[in-house]
């Protein structure tokens, strides 16, 4: 019988956690939210908001590559699907992306996103990657 090392088990747990879709994340160095209105009328407009709020000495590195790649179900039309540093707003140490969308047909919809950015401390910078998802109901 093969034994799995504690390191290997921790690595598998970390990979499983990183691949889980989330709407809100809290870590030691930042809080992350990925949200949109829960309901939008057909033909109406909404706005996806992604906010990164550093804490405990963490800082967003605005010069390092940041990317948000979005996709949605057919009920929604996103104004933009790939965003980068030029689209990221840095204000008061916080970072955010805002993406307008239009509700084109009725039904249960969702917006999925792959987000990557760098969080830094006085000692190091580390790339952060998240798979995120939020539901939207079009009525």
Protein backbone atom coordinates (compact mmCIF):
# COMPACT_ATOMS: atom_id res chain seq x y z
CA UNK A 1 0.00 0.00 0.00
CA UNK A 2 1.33 3.44 -0.92
CA UNK A 3 1.45 6.17 1.67
CA UNK A 4 0.59 9.74 0.85
CA UNK A 5 2.86 12.23 2.52
CA UNK A 6 1.42 15.06 4.59
CA UNK A 7 2.86 17.51 2.04
CA UNK A 8 1.14 15.68 -0.82
CA UNK A 9 -2.16 15.65 1.04
CA UNK A 10 -1.89 19.39 1.79
CA UNK A 11 -1.05 20.07 -1.86
CA UNK A 12 -4.11 18.14 -3.05
CA UNK A 13 -6.34 20.00 -0.57
CA UNK A 14 -4.96 23.36 -1.70
CA UNK A 15 -5.54 22.49 -5.37
CA UNK A 16 -9.11 21.40 -4.68
CA UNK A 17 -9.78 24.60 -2.76
CA UNK A 18 -8.30 26.80 -5.51
CA UNK A 19 -10.50 25.16 -8.17
CA UNK A 20 -13.73 25.66 -6.26
CA UNK A 21 -16.00 28.40 -7.60
CA UNK A 22 -16.63 31.10 -5.02
CA UNK A 23 -18.39 34.42 -4.77
CA UNK A 24 -16.46 35.69 -1.72
CA UNK A 25 -12.95 34.87 -0.54
CA UNK A 26 -11.13 35.87 2.60
CA UNK A 27 -7.43 35.22 3.08
CA UNK A 28 -4.78 36.46 5.47
CA UNK A 29 -3.74 39.29 3.13
CA UNK A 30 -6.96 40.25 1.31
CA UNK A 31 -10.71 39.93 0.94
CA UNK A 32 -12.17 39.31 -2.51
CA UNK A 33 -15.76 39.73 -3.69
CA UNK A 34 -17.31 38.77 -7.04
CA UNK A 35 -20.89 39.97 -7.29
CA UNK A 36 -23.72 41.01 -9.59
CA UNK A 37 -27.41 41.77 -9.04
CA UNK A 38 -29.32 38.59 -8.18
CA UNK A 39 -32.20 39.56 -10.49
CA UNK A 40 -32.31 41.62 -13.68
CA UNK A 41 -35.29 42.20 -15.98
CA UNK A 42 -34.99 40.98 -19.58
CA UNK A 43 -33.58 43.87 -21.60
CA UNK A 44 -32.22 45.43 -18.43
CA UNK A 45 -28.65 46.15 -17.44
CA UNK A 46 -26.52 45.04 -14.53
CA UNK A 47 -22.94 45.38 -13.40
CA UNK A 48 -20.49 42.71 -12.30
CA UNK A 49 -18.21 43.96 -9.55
CA UNK A 50 -14.91 42.36 -8.53
CA UNK A 51 -13.25 43.94 -5.50
CA UNK A 52 -9.91 43.12 -3.88
CA UNK A 53 -9.39 44.68 -0.45
CA UNK A 54 -5.89 44.19 1.02
CA UNK A 55 -5.42 43.76 4.77
CA UNK A 56 -2.68 42.92 7.31
CA UNK A 57 0.07 44.66 5.32
CA UNK A 58 -0.91 43.20 1.95
CA UNK A 59 -0.81 45.45 -1.11
CA UNK A 60 -2.01 45.03 -4.67
CA UNK A 61 0.92 45.29 -7.06
CA UNK A 62 -0.54 47.49 -9.81
CA UNK A 63 2.50 47.11 -12.05
CA UNK A 64 2.35 43.32 -12.11
CA UNK A 65 0.00 41.59 -14.56
CA UNK A 66 -3.63 41.38 -13.47
CA UNK A 67 -6.24 39.59 -15.57
CA UNK A 68 -9.95 38.84 -15.36
CA UNK A 69 -11.34 36.48 -18.00
CA UNK A 70 -15.14 36.22 -17.98
CA UNK A 71 -17.78 34.01 -19.53
CA UNK A 72 -21.54 33.85 -19.08
CA UNK A 73 -24.52 31.77 -20.04
CA UNK A 74 -26.50 32.82 -23.12
CA UNK A 75 -29.02 34.86 -21.09
CA UNK A 76 -26.38 37.57 -20.51
CA UNK A 77 -24.24 39.67 -22.83
CA UNK A 78 -21.07 40.97 -21.16
CA UNK A 79 -19.69 44.32 -22.33
CA UNK A 80 -16.15 42.91 -22.13
CA UNK A 81 -14.85 39.38 -21.52
CA UNK A 82 -11.12 39.92 -20.98
CA UNK A 83 -9.85 42.67 -18.68
CA UNK A 84 -6.33 43.59 -17.64
CA UNK A 85 -4.34 46.22 -15.78
CA UNK A 86 -5.76 49.05 -17.89
CA UNK A 87 -9.27 48.08 -16.74
CA UNK A 88 -8.37 47.67 -13.05
CA UNK A 89 -9.15 50.64 -10.81
CA UNK A 90 -6.71 51.22 -7.95
CA UNK A 91 -8.07 53.52 -5.26
CA UNK A 92 -7.09 53.81 -1.61
CA UNK A 93 -5.06 50.61 -1.81
CA UNK A 94 -8.04 48.62 -3.11
CA UNK A 95 -8.41 47.19 -6.61
CA UNK A 96 -11.59 46.62 -8.58
CA UNK A 97 -13.01 45.63 -11.94
CA UNK A 98 -16.48 46.71 -13.07
CA UNK A 99 -18.15 45.05 -16.07
CA UNK A 100 -21.58 46.08 -17.38
CA UNK A 101 -23.86 43.42 -18.87
CA UNK A 102 -27.25 43.19 -20.57
CA UNK A 103 -29.91 40.57 -19.79
CA UNK A 104 -31.02 39.27 -23.20
CA UNK A 105 -33.31 36.34 -22.37
CA UNK A 106 -35.19 34.92 -19.38
CA UNK A 107 -33.81 32.16 -17.22
CA UNK A 108 -31.18 31.23 -14.68
CA UNK A 109 -27.85 32.66 -15.74
CA UNK A 110 -24.37 32.86 -14.27
CA UNK A 111 -21.15 34.70 -14.79
CA UNK A 112 -17.88 32.80 -14.35
CA UNK A 113 -14.48 34.39 -14.01
CA UNK A 114 -10.81 33.47 -13.85
CA UNK A 115 -8.98 36.14 -11.86
CA UNK A 116 -5.24 36.52 -11.38
CA UNK A 117 -3.32 39.31 -9.64
CA UNK A 118 -0.30 39.84 -7.40
CA UNK A 119 -0.50 40.56 -3.67
CA UNK A 120 2.66 41.85 -2.01
CA UNK A 121 4.04 42.35 1.48
CA UNK A 122 7.27 44.02 2.56
CA UNK A 123 9.04 40.67 2.04
CA UNK A 124 7.54 39.15 -1.11
CA UNK A 125 4.95 39.18 -3.88
CA UNK A 126 2.81 36.19 -4.79
CA UNK A 127 0.51 35.51 -7.72
CA UNK A 128 -3.08 34.78 -6.72
CA UNK A 129 -5.47 32.83 -8.96
CA UNK A 130 -9.18 32.24 -8.41
CA UNK A 131 -12.09 30.68 -10.27
CA UNK A 132 -15.21 32.62 -9.34
CA UNK A 133 -18.90 32.38 -10.16
CA UNK A 134 -22.09 34.29 -9.37
CA UNK A 135 -25.72 33.56 -10.38
CA UNK A 136 -28.06 36.06 -12.04
CA UNK A 137 -31.76 35.42 -12.64
CA UNK A 138 -33.24 37.10 -15.71
CA UNK A 139 -37.00 37.65 -15.38
